[in-house]
């Protein structure tokens, strides 16, 4: 019925691919040499255009490097997954904090610890519990499965890339390793090693960093949503309120400045 919890909650790791591999896939965007591709496997939501003209609707969440207890990433990551329903949450640190944070995370959500525990609970519920109890168990299990949509960056100085139509989303721990070609080909550059949240537009590109987590720093997180017409970026504070936001009109080339509510 389900994969084992350990494999089900394995951290998603990107695989290295080359420019030539993307050329074979008819990608028009230029991929930085040696970059890593994050494949989300998301569904494409389209309008009446021909399939080859469709730009996928995609939502990404980002959490910055964790300083101290890795479990401080639980609240912002859960907010991105369960309230904003992002396709993927990317951890921007250069360490193993995400691997450490996974331990006990499913149990935090109320999911059974193992396949056997899940089946035992199903068996008990099936005997005399109301239908709502079964729905609650399945909902908790569904939430724990979403932990499989957490991803970690490749080890520095590697970069990760996500393609959205002909737009390039470039992700890296230290943006100092990027060269002119990397920056020129990207619509959005997200990096991890900024202590404070950063969101600014420079020319046609947007630069974003959610800031650090832990050791007295507020638990900020970031969201990026790309549609056929707009690129929307937001940084949330530890309570989930929007602290900074920025919207770019992709289709018309116009843009709205960074704003703070």
Foldseek 3Di string as FASTA:
>chain_A
DDDKLVVLLDADEFDWDAQVVVVVVVAPFGDPGRATEDDLPDDADADPDDPLPFFRKFKEKEFAAEDPQLLLVLVVVLCCCPVVVGSAYEYQDQDCSLVVNLVCSLVVLVADPTPVRLVVVVVVCVPDNDPVVVVVRVVSVVSSSCSNRYHYAPHPPHWYWYDGRNAIEIEGADCVVDDPVNVVRHQEYEYHPDQDWDWFDDQNHIYTYQHYHDPPRWGKMKMWIDGPFKIKIFIATNVRDTAKIWMAGVVVRHTDGIDGD
